[in-house]
Structures are given as C-alpha cells and as structure tokens.
C-alpha cells in the first residue's frame, strides 16, 4: 500500500509540475500559490503513507 501511495504522489507531482509550467508560460499571478499547494499535497501523501500503517496495522 505504501508503494501505491508513493506512485500517486509521483503522479500528482508530475501533473502539478505541468500545471505550474503552463501557468508560468501564461504569466498568471498565482504560480507561487500553486507550487506551495502541490508541494504540500506531495508531503501529505508521503507522510500519510508512512503513518497509516502504524495506526491501522496494515
């Protein structure tokens, strides 16, 4: 299960990087916010992958 969540976090990171690239090319104003949200989501997924087995014994 941990590896599955790592894969999902990787996919989120790749799609987020593409989204940020598009926003930077369109000169949108909320690029920094998007970067922080994507980094936060990836950190949450990695932390959840480590913590869930400890809580539920999976």
N, C-alpha and C. Protein backbone atom coordinates (compact mmCIF):
# COMPACT_ATOMS: atom_id res chain seq x y z
N UNK A 1 0.83 -1.20 0.00
CA UNK A 1 0.00 0.00 0.00
C UNK A 1 0.87 1.26 0.00
N UNK A 2 1.99 1.19 0.69
CA UNK A 2 2.87 2.35 0.75
C UNK A 2 3.40 2.70 -0.64
N UNK A 3 3.76 1.69 -1.40
CA UNK A 3 4.28 1.96 -2.75
C UNK A 3 3.22 2.57 -3.65
N UNK A 4 1.97 2.15 -3.46
CA UNK A 4 0.88 2.72 -4.25
C UNK A 4 0.73 4.21 -3.96
N UNK A 5 0.82 4.59 -2.71
CA UNK A 5 0.69 6.00 -2.34
C UNK A 5 1.88 6.79 -2.87
N UNK A 6 3.07 6.18 -2.88
CA UNK A 6 4.23 6.85 -3.47
C UNK A 6 4.03 7.09 -4.96
N UNK A 7 3.45 6.11 -5.64
CA UNK A 7 3.16 6.27 -7.07
C UNK A 7 2.16 7.40 -7.29
N UNK A 8 1.12 7.44 -6.46
CA UNK A 8 0.12 8.50 -6.58
C UNK A 8 0.76 9.86 -6.32
N UNK A 9 1.65 9.95 -5.32
CA UNK A 9 2.34 11.21 -5.04
C UNK A 9 3.22 11.62 -6.23
N UNK A 10 3.85 10.66 -6.87
CA UNK A 10 4.66 10.96 -8.05
C UNK A 10 3.83 11.49 -9.20
N UNK A 11 2.67 10.88 -9.40
CA UNK A 11 1.77 11.34 -10.47
C UNK A 11 1.28 12.75 -10.17
N UNK A 12 0.93 13.01 -8.90
CA UNK A 12 0.49 14.36 -8.51
C UNK A 12 1.61 15.36 -8.76
N UNK A 13 2.84 14.99 -8.44
CA UNK A 13 3.97 15.90 -8.65
C UNK A 13 4.19 16.19 -10.14
N UNK A 14 4.09 15.17 -10.97
CA UNK A 14 4.30 15.37 -12.41
C UNK A 14 3.20 16.25 -12.99
N UNK A 15 1.95 15.94 -12.66
CA UNK A 15 0.84 16.76 -13.17
C UNK A 15 0.91 18.18 -12.63
N UNK A 16 1.32 18.33 -11.38
CA UNK A 16 1.47 19.65 -10.80
C UNK A 16 2.57 20.45 -11.47
N UNK A 17 3.67 19.79 -11.81
CA UNK A 17 4.76 20.48 -12.50
C UNK A 17 4.31 20.96 -13.87
N UNK A 18 3.53 20.14 -14.56
CA UNK A 18 3.00 20.55 -15.86
C UNK A 18 2.07 21.75 -15.69
N UNK A 19 1.23 21.70 -14.67
CA UNK A 19 0.30 22.80 -14.41
C UNK A 19 1.05 24.10 -14.10
N UNK A 20 2.09 24.02 -13.29
CA UNK A 20 2.88 25.20 -12.95
C UNK A 20 3.60 25.73 -14.19
N UNK A 21 4.11 24.85 -15.02
CA UNK A 21 4.78 25.26 -16.26
C UNK A 21 3.82 26.03 -17.16
N UNK A 22 2.60 25.53 -17.30
CA UNK A 22 1.61 26.21 -18.13
C UNK A 22 1.26 27.58 -17.55
N UNK A 23 1.10 27.63 -16.22
CA UNK A 23 0.78 28.92 -15.58
C UNK A 23 1.92 29.92 -15.74
N UNK A 24 3.16 29.44 -15.65
CA UNK A 24 4.30 30.35 -15.82
C UNK A 24 4.36 30.88 -17.25
N UNK A 25 4.07 30.04 -18.22
CA UNK A 25 4.09 30.50 -19.61
C UNK A 25 2.96 31.46 -19.92
N UNK A 26 1.83 31.33 -19.22
CA UNK A 26 0.71 32.25 -19.42
C UNK A 26 0.82 33.49 -18.55
N UNK A 27 1.89 33.58 -17.78
CA UNK A 27 2.16 34.72 -16.89
C UNK A 27 1.02 34.98 -15.91
N UNK A 28 0.49 33.92 -15.34
CA UNK A 28 -0.56 34.07 -14.33
C UNK A 28 0.07 34.49 -13.01
N UNK A 29 -0.75 35.06 -12.13
CA UNK A 29 -0.25 35.66 -10.90
C UNK A 29 -0.14 34.68 -9.72
N UNK A 30 -0.82 33.54 -9.79
CA UNK A 30 -0.87 32.65 -8.63
C UNK A 30 0.04 31.43 -8.77
N UNK A 31 1.19 31.60 -9.40
CA UNK A 31 2.11 30.48 -9.61
C UNK A 31 2.69 30.01 -8.28
N UNK A 32 3.08 30.95 -7.43
CA UNK A 32 3.67 30.60 -6.14
C UNK A 32 2.68 29.81 -5.29
N UNK A 33 1.43 30.21 -5.31
CA UNK A 33 0.39 29.51 -4.55
C UNK A 33 0.23 28.08 -5.07
N UNK A 34 0.25 27.91 -6.37
CA UNK A 34 0.12 26.58 -6.96
C UNK A 34 1.29 25.68 -6.58
N UNK A 35 2.48 26.25 -6.60
CA UNK A 35 3.66 25.47 -6.22
C UNK A 35 3.55 25.00 -4.78
N UNK A 36 3.16 25.90 -3.88
CA UNK A 36 3.05 25.54 -2.47
C UNK A 36 1.97 24.49 -2.24
N UNK A 37 0.87 24.58 -2.96
CA UNK A 37 -0.20 23.60 -2.81
C UNK A 37 0.25 22.22 -3.28
N UNK A 38 0.97 22.16 -4.38
CA UNK A 38 1.43 20.87 -4.91
C UNK A 38 2.47 20.25 -3.98
N UNK A 39 3.40 21.05 -3.50
CA UNK A 39 4.41 20.55 -2.57
C UNK A 39 3.74 20.05 -1.30
N UNK A 40 2.77 20.80 -0.79
CA UNK A 40 2.04 20.37 0.40
C UNK A 40 1.29 19.08 0.20
N UNK A 41 0.68 18.92 -0.97
CA UNK A 41 -0.05 17.69 -1.26
C UNK A 41 0.89 16.49 -1.31
N UNK A 42 2.04 16.66 -1.93
CA UNK A 42 3.00 15.55 -2.01
C UNK A 42 3.56 15.20 -0.64
N UNK A 43 3.86 16.20 0.17
CA UNK A 43 4.35 15.94 1.53
C UNK A 43 3.28 15.22 2.34
N UNK A 44 2.02 15.63 2.21
CA UNK A 44 0.94 14.96 2.93
C UNK A 44 0.82 13.50 2.50
N UNK A 45 0.87 13.24 1.20
CA UNK A 45 0.75 11.86 0.72
C UNK A 45 1.89 10.98 1.23
N UNK A 46 3.10 11.50 1.23
CA UNK A 46 4.24 10.72 1.71
C UNK A 46 4.13 10.49 3.22
N UNK A 47 3.72 11.52 3.97
CA UNK A 47 3.55 11.36 5.41
C UNK A 47 2.42 10.38 5.73
N UNK A 48 1.34 10.44 4.96
CA UNK A 48 0.22 9.52 5.17
C UNK A 48 0.64 8.09 4.86
N UNK A 49 1.48 7.91 3.85
CA UNK A 49 1.95 6.57 3.50
C UNK A 49 2.78 5.97 4.63
N UNK A 50 3.47 6.82 5.36
CA UNK A 50 4.26 6.33 6.49
C UNK A 50 3.42 6.13 7.74
N UNK A 51 2.42 6.98 7.96
CA UNK A 51 1.67 6.96 9.22
C UNK A 51 0.51 5.97 9.23
N UNK A 52 -0.17 5.79 8.11
CA UNK A 52 -1.35 4.92 8.10
C UNK A 52 -1.06 3.49 8.52
N UNK A 53 0.01 2.88 8.04
CA UNK A 53 0.28 1.51 8.52
C UNK A 53 0.55 1.45 10.02
N UNK A 54 1.11 2.49 10.58
CA UNK A 54 1.37 2.50 12.02
C UNK A 54 0.07 2.58 12.82
N UNK A 55 -0.90 3.34 12.33
CA UNK A 55 -2.16 3.50 13.04
C UNK A 55 -3.07 2.28 12.90
N UNK A 56 -3.12 1.71 11.72
CA UNK A 56 -4.10 0.66 11.45
C UNK A 56 -3.49 -0.73 11.31
N UNK A 57 -2.19 -0.84 11.40
CA UNK A 57 -1.54 -2.14 11.32
C UNK A 57 -1.63 -2.80 9.96
N UNK A 58 -1.62 -2.01 8.91
CA UNK A 58 -1.73 -2.56 7.55
C UNK A 58 -0.40 -3.07 7.05
